[in-house]
Amino acid sequence: MNEAKSIEVKRSSKVENILTQINSKTKLGDLRKIAKDITKDHELAMELWSTEEFLPRLLAILIMDKKLLSQDALNRIDKDMQTHSFDERNNLMDWLMANQLIKDKKTIALMESWKNGPSALQRRAFWYYQARLRWTGQTPPDNTADLLSTLETNITKEEPEVQWAMNFTAGWIGVYDEKNRVRCIKLGEKTGLYKDEMVSKGCTPNYLPNFIAIEVSKRDNN
């Protein structure tokens, strides 16, 4: 007799207790408070990750041990992210980049190797990291010329999630690198990316000529 049986996932009491604290009204700040109490616990992080739910996975990222994030481990995490919606998987990768990958030389080196990798999410992380170096005022690596050449050649061919991060990088190069500003503006004019995008009041548009003009003006007025 073939009888379908539901498989119940057994979770530790610690995870069950944490899950009772997370619901649709939970904010990122709430997750950070929970993570602060837990500190680092990679085993617990992986158990939370196994729930396959968005908010528990955001929390899991906060308490992961970055020393255990090898390329193979990150490939598995990347594969798991593919089960989420477009916006959720991008948010998960961006959160992972900001809270783990930028905090260790080993994982930074991995990110820097993802420029032409097979994973769109990993390529997104590469470009978002390059943008972050510039907008946070850090001294970027001496790779701007190479980045701009790649942007001009590939940005219109890329997956949407990567394309946004590439455009974001071009924007911040244009803001902080005056000698390449016109080049970045012309890139935006040529591609027309995000030109017709509607943005909320107070938000900077992604269209490069507007983005660069607004962000430069902010800094000139400070």
C-alpha atoms as a PDB file:
ATOM      1  CA  MET A   1       0.000   0.000   0.000  1.00  0.00           C
ATOM      2  CA  ASN A   2       1.430   3.342  -1.047  1.00  0.00           C
ATOM      3  CA  GLU A   3       0.530   5.869   1.526  1.00  0.00           C
ATOM      4  CA  ALA A   4       1.690   9.456   1.213  1.00  0.00           C
ATOM      5  CA  LYS A   5       3.217  10.630   4.443  1.00  0.00           C
ATOM      6  CA  SER A   6       3.883  14.189   5.381  1.00  0.00           C
ATOM      7  CA  ILE A   7       7.357  14.751   6.668  1.00  0.00           C
ATOM      8  CA  GLU A   8       7.486  16.984   9.677  1.00  0.00           C
ATOM      9  CA  VAL A   9      10.624  19.031  10.048  1.00  0.00           C
ATOM     10  CA  LYS A  10      11.904  18.767  13.575  1.00  0.00           C
ATOM     11  CA  ARG A  11      13.172  22.074  14.874  1.00  0.00           C
ATOM     12  CA  SER A  12      15.043  22.818  18.033  1.00  0.00           C
ATOM     13  CA  SER A  13      13.214  24.629  20.819  1.00  0.00           C
ATOM     14  CA  LYS A  14      15.613  27.532  20.312  1.00  0.00           C
ATOM     15  CA  VAL A  15      14.515  27.978  16.709  1.00  0.00           C
ATOM     16  CA  GLU A  16      10.851  27.530  17.583  1.00  0.00           C
ATOM     17  CA  ASN A  17      11.189  30.256  20.204  1.00  0.00           C
ATOM     18  CA  ILE A  18      12.848  32.608  17.721  1.00  0.00           C
ATOM     19  CA  LEU A  19      10.171  31.968  15.080  1.00  0.00           C
ATOM     20  CA  THR A  20       7.452  33.032  17.526  1.00  0.00           C
ATOM     21  CA  GLN A  21       9.137  36.452  17.600  1.00  0.00           C
ATOM     22  CA  ILE A  22       8.977  36.906  13.821  1.00  0.00           C
ATOM     23  CA  ASN A  23       5.864  37.821  11.860  1.00  0.00           C
ATOM     24  CA  SER A  24       4.744  39.983   8.960  1.00  0.00           C
ATOM     25  CA  LYS A  25       5.166  43.129  11.067  1.00  0.00           C
ATOM     26  CA  THR A  26       8.774  42.361  12.007  1.00  0.00           C
ATOM     27  CA  LYS A  27      11.205  45.057  10.852  1.00  0.00           C
ATOM     28  CA  LEU A  28      14.891  44.752  10.007  1.00  0.00           C
ATOM     29  CA  GLY A  29      15.723  46.546  13.244  1.00  0.00           C
ATOM     30  CA  ASP A  30      13.816  43.881  15.168  1.00  0.00           C
ATOM     31  CA  LEU A  31      15.880  41.169  13.473  1.00  0.00           C
ATOM     32  CA  ARG A  32      19.074  42.986  14.414  1.00  0.00           C
ATOM     33  CA  LYS A  33      17.969  43.084  18.059  1.00  0.00           C
ATOM     34  CA  ILE A  34      17.329  39.344  18.055  1.00  0.00           C
ATOM     35  CA  ALA A  35      20.687  38.727  16.353  1.00  0.00           C
ATOM     36  CA  LYS A  36      22.481  40.904  18.908  1.00  0.00           C
ATOM     37  CA  ASP A  37      21.214  38.678  21.711  1.00  0.00           C
ATOM     38  CA  ILE A  38      22.274  35.534  19.856  1.00  0.00           C
ATOM     39  CA  THR A  39      25.627  36.899  18.572  1.00  0.00           C
ATOM     40  CA  LYS A  40      27.293  34.340  16.271  1.00  0.00           C
ATOM     41  CA  ASP A  41      25.820  30.848  15.941  1.00  0.00           C
ATOM     42  CA  HIS A  42      26.337  29.224  12.559  1.00  0.00           C
ATOM     43  CA  GLU A  43      24.507  26.019  13.429  1.00  0.00           C
ATOM     44  CA  LEU A  44      21.463  27.990  14.538  1.00  0.00           C
ATOM     45  CA  ALA A  45      21.778  30.153  11.423  1.00  0.00           C
ATOM     46  CA  MET A  46      21.619  27.091   9.191  1.00  0.00           C
ATOM     47  CA  GLU A  47      18.581  25.792  11.060  1.00  0.00           C
ATOM     48  CA  LEU A  48      16.835  29.132  10.567  1.00  0.00           C
ATOM     49  CA  TRP A  49      17.913  29.094   6.924  1.00  0.00           C
ATOM     50  CA  SER A  50      16.310  25.674   6.488  1.00  0.00           C
ATOM     51  CA  THR A  51      12.869  27.159   7.214  1.00  0.00           C
ATOM     52  CA  GLU A  52      12.983  28.528   3.654  1.00  0.00           C
ATOM     53  CA  GLU A  53      11.208  31.680   4.891  1.00  0.00           C
ATOM     54  CA  PHE A  54      12.393  35.180   4.011  1.00  0.00           C
ATOM     55  CA  LEU A  55      12.590  36.894   7.421  1.00  0.00           C
ATOM     56  CA  PRO A  56      14.143  33.919   9.250  1.00  0.00           C
ATOM     57  CA  ARG A  57      16.707  33.755   6.461  1.00  0.00           C
ATOM     58  CA  LEU A  58      17.536  37.446   6.916  1.00  0.00           C
ATOM     59  CA  LEU A  59      18.080  36.726  10.605  1.00  0.00           C
ATOM     60  CA  ALA A  60      20.154  33.648   9.750  1.00  0.00           C
ATOM     61  CA  ILE A  61      22.506  35.801   7.681  1.00  0.00           C
ATOM     62  CA  LEU A  62      23.141  38.078  10.654  1.00  0.00           C
ATOM     63  CA  ILE A  63      24.350  35.244  12.896  1.00  0.00           C
ATOM     64  CA  MET A  64      26.349  33.232  10.354  1.00  0.00           C
ATOM     65  CA  ASP A  65      30.051  32.628  10.925  1.00  0.00           C
ATOM     66  CA  LYS A  66      31.758  34.345   7.989  1.00  0.00           C
ATOM     67  CA  LYS A  67      34.772  32.066   8.409  1.00  0.00           C
ATOM     68  CA  LEU A  68      32.581  29.173   7.238  1.00  0.00           C
ATOM     69  CA  LEU A  69      31.353  30.914   4.085  1.00  0.00           C
ATOM     70  CA  SER A  70      33.419  29.064   1.506  1.00  0.00           C
ATOM     71  CA  GLN A  71      32.627  29.279  -2.198  1.00  0.00           C
ATOM     72  CA  ASP A  72      30.822  25.927  -1.999  1.00  0.00           C
ATOM     73  CA  ALA A  73      28.755  27.091   0.982  1.00  0.00           C
ATOM     74  CA  LEU A  74      27.896  30.336  -0.795  1.00  0.00           C
ATOM     75  CA  ASN A  75      26.883  28.424  -3.918  1.00  0.00           C
ATOM     76  CA  ARG A  76      24.428  26.397  -1.825  1.00  0.00           C
ATOM     77  CA  ILE A  77      23.059  29.555  -0.215  1.00  0.00           C
ATOM     78  CA  ASP A  78      22.771  31.142  -3.656  1.00  0.00           C
ATOM     79  CA  LYS A  79      20.832  28.116  -4.936  1.00  0.00           C
ATOM     80  CA  ASP A  80      18.457  28.343  -1.976  1.00  0.00           C
ATOM     81  CA  MET A  81      17.847  32.043  -2.689  1.00  0.00           C
ATOM     82  CA  GLN A  82      16.489  31.094  -6.113  1.00  0.00           C
ATOM     83  CA  THR A  83      13.314  29.770  -4.467  1.00  0.00           C
ATOM     84  CA  HIS A  84      12.382  33.337  -3.459  1.00  0.00           C
ATOM     85  CA  SER A  85      10.756  36.071  -5.516  1.00  0.00           C
ATOM     86  CA  PHE A  86      12.943  38.427  -7.553  1.00  0.00           C
ATOM     87  CA  ASP A  87      12.942  41.172  -4.915  1.00  0.00           C
ATOM     88  CA  GLU A  88      13.424  38.797  -1.984  1.00  0.00           C
ATOM     89  CA  ARG A  89      16.415  36.999  -3.465  1.00  0.00           C
ATOM     90  CA  ASN A  90      18.074  40.304  -4.333  1.00  0.00           C
ATOM     91  CA  ASN A  91      17.443  41.546  -0.798  1.00  0.00           C
ATOM     92  CA  LEU A  92      18.907  38.353   0.651  1.00  0.00           C
ATOM     93  CA  MET A  93      22.087  38.640  -1.424  1.00  0.00           C
ATOM     94  CA  ASP A  94      22.475  42.361  -0.670  1.00  0.00           C
ATOM     95  CA  TRP A  95      21.962  41.658   3.051  1.00  0.00           C
ATOM     96  CA  LEU A  96      24.524  38.842   2.921  1.00  0.00           C
ATOM     97  CA  MET A  97      27.011  41.129   1.186  1.00  0.00           C
ATOM     98  CA  ALA A  98      26.548  43.992   3.640  1.00  0.00           C
ATOM     99  CA  ASN A  99      26.471  41.942   6.834  1.00  0.00           C
ATOM    100  CA  GLN A 100      28.958  39.157   6.120  1.00  0.00           C
ATOM    101  CA  LEU A 101      30.863  39.180   2.851  1.00  0.00           C
ATOM    102  CA  ILE A 102      32.463  42.612   3.226  1.00  0.00           C
ATOM    103  CA  LYS A 103      33.751  41.800   6.716  1.00  0.00           C
ATOM    104  CA  ASP A 104      36.422  39.236   5.920  1.00  0.00           C
ATOM    105  CA  LYS A 105      39.341  39.359   3.499  1.00  0.00           C
ATOM    106  CA  LYS A 106      38.575  35.827   2.308  1.00  0.00           C
ATOM    107  CA  THR A 107      34.972  36.565   1.352  1.00  0.00           C
ATOM    108  CA  ILE A 108      35.939  39.922  -0.164  1.00  0.00           C
ATOM    109  CA  ALA A 109      38.373  38.020  -2.375  1.00  0.00           C
ATOM    110  CA  LEU A 110      35.572  35.646  -3.361  1.00  0.00           C
ATOM    111  CA  MET A 111      33.300  38.571  -4.277  1.00  0.00           C
ATOM    112  CA  GLU A 112      36.051  40.122  -6.355  1.00  0.00           C
ATOM    113  CA  SER A 113      36.237  36.878  -8.364  1.00  0.00           C
ATOM    114  CA  TRP A 114      32.521  36.934  -9.252  1.00  0.00           C
ATOM    115  CA  LYS A 115      32.602  39.616 -11.943  1.00  0.00           C
ATOM    116  CA  ASN A 116      32.219  37.071 -14.763  1.00  0.00           C
ATOM    117  CA  GLY A 117      30.875  34.178 -12.716  1.00  0.00           C
ATOM    118  CA  PRO A 118      27.926  31.959 -13.694  1.00  0.00           C
ATOM    119  CA  SER A 119      25.631  33.192 -10.920  1.00  0.00           C
ATOM    120  CA  ALA A 120      23.632  36.388 -11.534  1.00  0.00           C
ATOM    121  CA  LEU A 121      23.284  36.969  -7.794  1.00  0.00           C
ATOM    122  CA  GLN A 122      27.021  36.660  -7.294  1.00  0.00           C
ATOM    123  CA  ARG A 123      27.703  39.027 -10.176  1.00  0.00           C
ATOM    124  CA  ARG A 124      25.239  41.436  -8.552  1.00  0.00           C
ATOM    125  CA  ALA A 125      27.230  41.190  -5.311  1.00  0.00           C
ATOM    126  CA  PHE A 126      30.449  41.973  -7.174  1.00  0.00           C
ATOM    127  CA  TRP A 127      29.011  45.158  -8.660  1.00  0.00           C
ATOM    128  CA  TYR A 128      27.143  46.243  -5.554  1.00  0.00           C
ATOM    129  CA  TYR A 129      30.373  45.886  -3.574  1.00  0.00           C
ATOM    130  CA  GLN A 130      32.211  48.089  -6.096  1.00  0.00           C
ATOM    131  CA  ALA A 131      29.476  50.711  -5.732  1.00  0.00           C
ATOM    132  CA  ARG A 132      29.571  50.466  -1.952  1.00  0.00           C
ATOM    133  CA  LEU A 133      33.307  51.124  -1.828  1.00  0.00           C
ATOM    134  CA  ARG A 134      32.684  54.425  -3.540  1.00  0.00           C
ATOM    135  CA  TRP A 135      29.515  55.669  -1.830  1.00  0.00           C
ATOM    136  CA  THR A 136      30.885  54.906   1.654  1.00  0.00           C
ATOM    137  CA  GLY A 137      33.945  57.032   0.941  1.00  0.00           C
ATOM    138  CA  GLN A 138      36.416  54.145   0.984  1.00  0.00           C
ATOM    139  CA  THR A 139      39.358  54.312  -1.375  1.00  0.00           C
ATOM    140  CA  PRO A 140      38.312  52.041  -4.235  1.00  0.00           C
ATOM    141  CA  PRO A 141      40.741  49.654  -5.907  1.00  0.00           C
ATOM    142  CA  ASP A 142      42.481  50.902  -9.021  1.00  0.00           C
ATOM    143  CA  ASN A 143      39.971  49.212 -11.290  1.00  0.00           C
ATOM    144  CA  THR A 144      37.723  52.059 -12.430  1.00  0.00           C
ATOM    145  CA  ALA A 145      38.923  52.008 -16.049  1.00  0.00           C
ATOM    146  CA  ASP A 146      38.314  48.268 -16.282  1.00  0.00           C
ATOM    147  CA  LEU A 147      34.874  48.603 -14.666  1.00  0.00           C
ATOM    148  CA  LEU A 148      33.830  51.355 -17.056  1.00  0.00           C
ATOM    149  CA  SER A 149      34.930  49.329 -20.083  1.00  0.00           C
ATOM    150  CA  THR A 150      32.899  46.361 -18.853  1.00  0.00           C
ATOM    151  CA  LEU A 151      29.908  48.593 -18.112  1.00  0.00           C
ATOM    152  CA  GLU A 152      29.947  50.073 -21.599  1.00  0.00           C
ATOM    153  CA  THR A 153      30.223  46.634 -23.200  1.00  0.00           C
ATOM    154  CA  ASN A 154      27.945  44.494 -21.053  1.00  0.00           C
ATOM    155  CA  ILE A 155      25.395  46.497 -19.059  1.00  0.00           C
ATOM    156  CA  THR A 156      22.588  46.211 -21.615  1.00  0.00           C
ATOM    157  CA  LYS A 157      23.188  42.448 -21.951  1.00  0.00           C
ATOM    158  CA  GLU A 158      23.040  41.611 -18.248  1.00  0.00           C
ATOM    159  CA  GLU A 159      20.290  40.097 -16.135  1.00  0.00           C
ATOM    160  CA  PRO A 160      18.041  42.753 -14.527  1.00  0.00           C
ATOM    161  CA  GLU A 161      19.353  42.164 -10.995  1.00  0.00           C
ATOM    162  CA  VAL A 162      22.958  42.560 -12.179  1.00  0.00           C
ATOM    163  CA  GLN A 163      22.127  45.440 -14.493  1.00  0.00           C
ATOM    164  CA  TRP A 164      20.797  47.501 -11.580  1.00  0.00           C
ATOM    165  CA  ALA A 165      24.001  46.982  -9.558  1.00  0.00           C
ATOM    166  CA  MET A 166      26.171  47.824 -12.570  1.00  0.00           C
ATOM    167  CA  ASN A 167      24.187  51.008 -13.143  1.00  0.00           C
ATOM    168  CA  PHE A 168      24.516  51.843  -9.435  1.00  0.00           C
ATOM    169  CA  THR A 169      28.283  51.465  -9.666  1.00  0.00           C
ATOM    170  CA  ALA A 170      28.415  53.732 -12.729  1.00  0.00           C
ATOM    171  CA  GLY A 171      26.398  56.290 -10.795  1.00  0.00           C
ATOM    172  CA  TRP A 172      28.806  56.438  -7.884  1.00  0.00           C
ATOM    173  CA  ILE A 173      31.837  56.498 -10.168  1.00  0.00           C
ATOM    174  CA  GLY A 174      30.245  59.506 -11.848  1.00  0.00           C
ATOM    175  CA  VAL A 175      29.612  61.193  -8.515  1.00  0.00           C
ATOM    176  CA  TYR A 176      33.061  60.737  -6.977  1.00  0.00           C
ATOM    177  CA  ASP A 177      35.357  60.488 -10.009  1.00  0.00           C
ATOM    178  CA  GLU A 178      35.104  63.856 -11.751  1.00  0.00           C
ATOM    179  CA  LYS A 179      37.330  62.920 -14.670  1.00  0.00           C
ATOM    180  CA  ASN A 180      34.968  60.042 -15.546  1.00  0.00           C
ATOM    181  CA  ARG A 181      31.720  61.887 -14.790  1.00  0.00           C
ATOM    182  CA  VAL A 182      30.856  62.801 -18.378  1.00  0.00           C
ATOM    183  CA  ARG A 183      31.603  59.242 -19.472  1.00  0.00           C
ATOM    184  CA  CYS A 184      29.132  57.872 -16.921  1.00  0.00           C
ATOM    185  CA  ILE A 185      26.478  60.414 -17.896  1.00  0.00           C
ATOM    186  CA  LYS A 186      26.916  59.475 -21.565  1.00  0.00           C
ATOM    187  CA  LEU A 187      26.554  55.802 -20.634  1.00  0.00           C
ATOM    188  CA  GLY A 188      23.173  56.555 -19.114  1.00  0.00           C
ATOM    189  CA  GLU A 189      22.100  58.630 -22.111  1.00  0.00           C
ATOM    190  CA  LYS A 190      23.169  55.894 -24.531  1.00  0.00           C
ATOM    191  CA  THR A 191      21.491  52.995 -22.722  1.00  0.00           C
ATOM    192  CA  GLY A 192      18.441  54.927 -21.527  1.00  0.00           C
ATOM    193  CA  LEU A 193      18.250  52.585 -18.565  1.00  0.00           C
ATOM    194  CA  TYR A 194      15.665  53.674 -15.959  1.00  0.00           C
ATOM    195  CA  LYS A 195      14.945  56.899 -17.861  1.00  0.00           C
ATOM    196  CA  ASP A 196      11.186  56.442 -17.591  1.00  0.00           C
ATOM    197  CA  GLU A 197      11.222  54.898 -14.121  1.00  0.00           C
ATOM    198  CA  MET A 198       8.892  56.515 -11.600  1.00  0.00           C
ATOM    199  CA  VAL A 199      10.481  57.161  -8.196  1.00  0.00           C
ATOM    200  CA  SER A 200       8.980  58.119  -4.862  1.00  0.00           C
ATOM    201  CA  LYS A 201       9.307  61.679  -3.625  1.00  0.00           C
ATOM    202  CA  GLY A 202      12.695  62.234  -2.009  1.00  0.00           C
ATOM    203  CA  CYS A 203      14.294  59.214  -3.716  1.00  0.00           C
ATOM    204  CA  THR A 204      17.148  59.574  -6.183  1.00  0.00           C
ATOM    205  CA  PRO A 205      16.289  58.225  -9.668  1.00  0.00           C
ATOM    206  CA  ASN A 206      18.401  55.458 -11.162  1.00  0.00           C
ATOM    207  CA  TYR A 207      18.731  57.170 -14.556  1.00  0.00           C
ATOM    208  CA  LEU A 208      22.433  58.036 -14.578  1.00  0.00           C
ATOM    209  CA  PRO A 209      22.336  61.677 -15.767  1.00  0.00           C
ATOM    210  CA  ASN A 210      19.770  62.527 -13.066  1.00  0.00           C
ATOM    211  CA  PHE A 211      21.344  60.350 -10.387  1.00  0.00           C
ATOM    212  CA  ILE A 212      24.772  61.902 -10.856  1.00  0.00           C
ATOM    213  CA  ALA A 213      23.469  65.481 -11.034  1.00  0.00           C
ATOM    214  CA  ILE A 214      21.421  65.104  -7.840  1.00  0.00           C
ATOM    215  CA  GLU A 215      24.122  63.352  -5.809  1.00  0.00           C
ATOM    216  CA  VAL A 216      26.856  65.768  -6.925  1.00  0.00           C
ATOM    217  CA  SER A 217      24.619  68.711  -6.003  1.00  0.00           C
ATOM    218  CA  LYS A 218      24.031  67.249  -2.530  1.00  0.00           C
ATOM    219  CA  ARG A 219      27.748  67.087  -1.915  1.00  0.00           C
ATOM    220  CA  ASP A 220      28.470  70.518  -3.375  1.00  0.00           C
ATOM    221  CA  ASN A 221      25.879  72.050  -1.050  1.00  0.00           C
ATOM    222  CA  ASN A 222      27.309  70.461   2.091  1.00  0.00           C
END
